[in-house]
Amino acid sequence: MDFDYYREQILTKHPDRMRVMSQSRTLPAPERFRLMCLAVKDENPRIRYDAISQLGTLGTIDLTQTQEILETA
């Protein structure tokens, strides 16, 4: 599975998005970072929480964007 698959699952409100979030950990870090930047805007608080948590380790990829996300989360 690739980035586009995971992005589609997150954006289309797939009913099992928590599993999708977990499976996305197999993506390369830069792609996971992009996915988490999308997921922090999800309506489900569990998805947002998981995305923010993953930014804790992925945030060094783009410190400026991570800071902006965390300031508005």
N, C-alpha and C. Protein backbone atom coordinates (compact mmCIF):
# COMPACT_ATOMS: atom_id res chain seq x y z
N MET A 1 0.83 -1.17 0.00
CA MET A 1 0.00 0.00 0.00
C MET A 1 0.89 1.24 0.00
N ASP A 2 0.42 2.25 -0.68
CA ASP A 2 1.24 3.44 -0.81
C ASP A 2 0.53 4.66 -0.22
N PHE A 3 1.21 5.80 -0.28
CA PHE A 3 0.70 7.03 0.30
C PHE A 3 -0.69 7.36 -0.23
N ASP A 4 -0.89 7.24 -1.53
CA ASP A 4 -2.19 7.59 -2.11
C ASP A 4 -3.33 6.74 -1.55
N TYR A 5 -3.06 5.48 -1.32
CA TYR A 5 -4.07 4.61 -0.73
C TYR A 5 -4.46 5.11 0.66
N TYR A 6 -3.46 5.38 1.50
CA TYR A 6 -3.74 5.83 2.87
C TYR A 6 -4.42 7.20 2.86
N ARG A 7 -3.98 8.09 2.02
CA ARG A 7 -4.58 9.42 1.93
C ARG A 7 -6.06 9.30 1.55
N GLU A 8 -6.34 8.46 0.59
CA GLU A 8 -7.73 8.25 0.16
C GLU A 8 -8.58 7.71 1.31
N GLN A 9 -8.03 6.76 2.06
CA GLN A 9 -8.78 6.17 3.16
C GLN A 9 -9.08 7.20 4.26
N ILE A 10 -8.12 8.05 4.53
CA ILE A 10 -8.32 9.09 5.55
C ILE A 10 -9.30 10.14 5.06
N LEU A 11 -9.15 10.60 3.84
CA LEU A 11 -9.98 11.69 3.33
C LEU A 11 -11.41 11.27 3.03
N THR A 12 -11.64 9.99 2.73
CA THR A 12 -12.99 9.55 2.42
C THR A 12 -13.73 9.06 3.65
N LYS A 13 -13.14 9.26 4.80
CA LYS A 13 -13.78 8.86 6.07
C LYS A 13 -14.05 7.37 6.12
N HIS A 14 -13.07 6.59 5.71
CA HIS A 14 -13.15 5.13 5.77
C HIS A 14 -13.56 4.73 7.19
N PRO A 15 -14.49 3.79 7.34
CA PRO A 15 -14.98 3.45 8.67
C PRO A 15 -13.92 2.87 9.61
N ASP A 16 -12.87 2.34 9.09
CA ASP A 16 -11.83 1.75 9.94
C ASP A 16 -10.53 2.57 9.85
N ARG A 17 -10.67 3.89 10.02
CA ARG A 17 -9.52 4.78 9.85
C ARG A 17 -8.44 4.56 10.91
N MET A 18 -8.81 4.10 12.10
CA MET A 18 -7.78 3.85 13.11
C MET A 18 -6.83 2.75 12.64
N ARG A 19 -7.34 1.74 11.99
CA ARG A 19 -6.49 0.70 11.45
C ARG A 19 -5.61 1.27 10.34
N VAL A 20 -6.19 2.13 9.52
CA VAL A 20 -5.44 2.79 8.45
C VAL A 20 -4.30 3.61 9.05
N MET A 21 -4.58 4.32 10.14
CA MET A 21 -3.54 5.12 10.81
C MET A 21 -2.40 4.22 11.28
N SER A 22 -2.75 3.09 11.85
CA SER A 22 -1.74 2.16 12.33
C SER A 22 -0.92 1.58 11.17
N GLN A 23 -1.60 1.18 10.12
CA GLN A 23 -0.91 0.60 8.97
C GLN A 23 -0.02 1.61 8.26
N SER A 24 -0.35 2.87 8.38
CA SER A 24 0.44 3.90 7.69
C SER A 24 1.85 4.01 8.24
N ARG A 25 2.09 3.41 9.39
CA ARG A 25 3.44 3.46 9.99
C ARG A 25 4.48 2.76 9.12
N THR A 26 4.03 2.01 8.12
CA THR A 26 4.98 1.35 7.22
C THR A 26 5.48 2.30 6.12
N LEU A 27 4.84 3.45 6.00
CA LEU A 27 5.26 4.43 4.98
C LEU A 27 6.60 5.07 5.37
N PRO A 28 7.35 5.54 4.39
CA PRO A 28 8.54 6.32 4.71
C PRO A 28 8.14 7.56 5.51
N ALA A 29 9.02 8.01 6.38
CA ALA A 29 8.72 9.12 7.29
C ALA A 29 8.18 10.37 6.59
N PRO A 30 8.77 10.82 5.48
CA PRO A 30 8.23 12.03 4.84
C PRO A 30 6.78 11.87 4.36
N GLU A 31 6.44 10.69 3.89
CA GLU A 31 5.07 10.44 3.45
C GLU A 31 4.12 10.35 4.65
N ARG A 32 4.58 9.72 5.72
CA ARG A 32 3.77 9.65 6.94
C ARG A 32 3.51 11.05 7.47
N PHE A 33 4.53 11.89 7.43
CA PHE A 33 4.37 13.27 7.90
C PHE A 33 3.26 13.97 7.12
N ARG A 34 3.28 13.83 5.81
CA ARG A 34 2.24 14.46 4.97
C ARG A 34 0.86 13.92 5.33
N LEU A 35 0.78 12.62 5.56
CA LEU A 35 -0.50 12.01 5.93
C LEU A 35 -0.99 12.51 7.28
N MET A 36 -0.09 12.63 8.24
CA MET A 36 -0.47 13.10 9.57
C MET A 36 -0.92 14.55 9.52
N CYS A 37 -0.33 15.33 8.63
CA CYS A 37 -0.76 16.73 8.47
C CYS A 37 -2.19 16.81 7.97
N LEU A 38 -2.63 15.83 7.22
CA LEU A 38 -4.03 15.75 6.80
C LEU A 38 -4.91 15.24 7.94
N ALA A 39 -4.42 14.24 8.64
CA ALA A 39 -5.22 13.57 9.67
C ALA A 39 -5.48 14.46 10.89
N VAL A 40 -4.62 15.45 11.15
CA VAL A 40 -4.86 16.31 12.32
C VAL A 40 -6.12 17.14 12.16
N LYS A 41 -6.68 17.19 10.96
CA LYS A 41 -7.90 17.96 10.70
C LYS A 41 -9.14 17.08 10.69
N ASP A 42 -8.98 15.81 11.01
CA ASP A 42 -10.10 14.86 10.97
C ASP A 42 -11.15 15.22 12.02
N GLU A 43 -12.39 14.87 11.76
CA GLU A 43 -13.46 15.15 12.71
C GLU A 43 -13.45 14.20 13.90
N ASN A 44 -12.82 13.05 13.75
CA ASN A 44 -12.76 12.06 14.83
C ASN A 44 -11.60 12.41 15.77
N PRO A 45 -11.89 12.62 17.06
CA PRO A 45 -10.82 12.99 17.99
C PRO A 45 -9.74 11.93 18.15
N ARG A 46 -10.09 10.66 18.00
CA ARG A 46 -9.07 9.61 18.10
C ARG A 46 -8.08 9.67 16.95
N ILE A 47 -8.57 10.00 15.76
CA ILE A 47 -7.69 10.16 14.59
C ILE A 47 -6.77 11.36 14.81
N ARG A 48 -7.37 12.47 15.26
CA ARG A 48 -6.56 13.68 15.51
C ARG A 48 -5.50 13.41 16.57
N TYR A 49 -5.88 12.73 17.64
CA TYR A 49 -4.94 12.42 18.71
C TYR A 49 -3.78 11.57 18.19
N ASP A 50 -4.09 10.54 17.43
CA ASP A 50 -3.05 9.68 16.87
C ASP A 50 -2.13 10.47 15.94
N ALA A 51 -2.71 11.33 15.13
CA ALA A 51 -1.91 12.13 14.21
C ALA A 51 -0.97 13.06 14.97
N ILE A 52 -1.49 13.73 16.00
CA ILE A 52 -0.65 14.63 16.80
C ILE A 52 0.45 13.83 17.49
N SER A 53 0.11 12.66 17.99
CA SER A 53 1.11 11.81 18.65
C SER A 53 2.22 11.41 17.69
N GLN A 54 1.86 11.05 16.48
CA GLN A 54 2.87 10.66 15.50
C GLN A 54 3.74 11.85 15.08
N LEU A 55 3.17 13.05 15.14
CA LEU A 55 3.97 14.23 14.81
C LEU A 55 5.09 14.43 15.83
N GLY A 56 4.95 13.84 17.01
CA GLY A 56 6.00 13.93 18.00
C GLY A 56 7.32 13.35 17.50
N THR A 57 7.24 12.32 16.70
CA THR A 57 8.46 11.73 16.15
C THR A 57 8.73 12.17 14.72
N LEU A 58 7.69 12.56 14.02
CA LEU A 58 7.86 12.96 12.61
C LEU A 58 8.07 14.46 12.44
N GLY A 59 7.82 15.21 13.47
CA GLY A 59 7.82 16.66 13.38
C GLY A 59 9.12 17.29 12.94
N THR A 60 10.23 16.57 13.10
CA THR A 60 11.52 17.14 12.70
C THR A 60 11.66 17.23 11.19
N ILE A 61 10.76 16.60 10.46
CA ILE A 61 10.80 16.66 9.00
C ILE A 61 10.55 18.08 8.52
N ASP A 62 9.61 18.76 9.17
CA ASP A 62 9.32 20.16 8.85
C ASP A 62 8.91 20.85 10.14
N LEU A 63 9.89 21.42 10.82
CA LEU A 63 9.63 22.02 12.13
C LEU A 63 8.64 23.18 12.08
N THR A 64 8.73 23.97 11.04
CA THR A 64 7.83 25.13 10.92
C THR A 64 6.38 24.68 10.79
N GLN A 65 6.13 23.75 9.90
CA GLN A 65 4.76 23.26 9.71
C GLN A 65 4.26 22.55 10.97
N THR A 66 5.13 21.79 11.60
CA THR A 66 4.74 21.09 12.83
C THR A 66 4.36 22.09 13.91
N GLN A 67 5.13 23.14 14.06
CA GLN A 67 4.82 24.16 15.06
C GLN A 67 3.47 24.81 14.77
N GLU A 68 3.21 25.12 13.54
CA GLU A 68 1.93 25.73 13.16
C GLU A 68 0.77 24.80 13.49
N ILE A 69 0.94 23.52 13.20
CA ILE A 69 -0.10 22.54 13.48
C ILE A 69 -0.35 22.45 14.98
N LEU A 70 0.71 22.35 15.76
CA LEU A 70 0.57 22.18 17.20
C LEU A 70 0.00 23.43 17.87
N GLU A 71 0.27 24.58 17.32
CA GLU A 71 -0.26 25.81 17.90
C GLU A 71 -1.76 25.95 17.68
N THR A 72 -2.27 25.33 16.63
CA THR A 72 -3.70 25.44 16.32
C THR A 72 -4.50 24.21 16.73
N ALA A 73 -3.81 23.16 17.18
CA ALA A 73 -4.49 21.91 17.54
C ALA A 73 -5.20 22.04 18.87
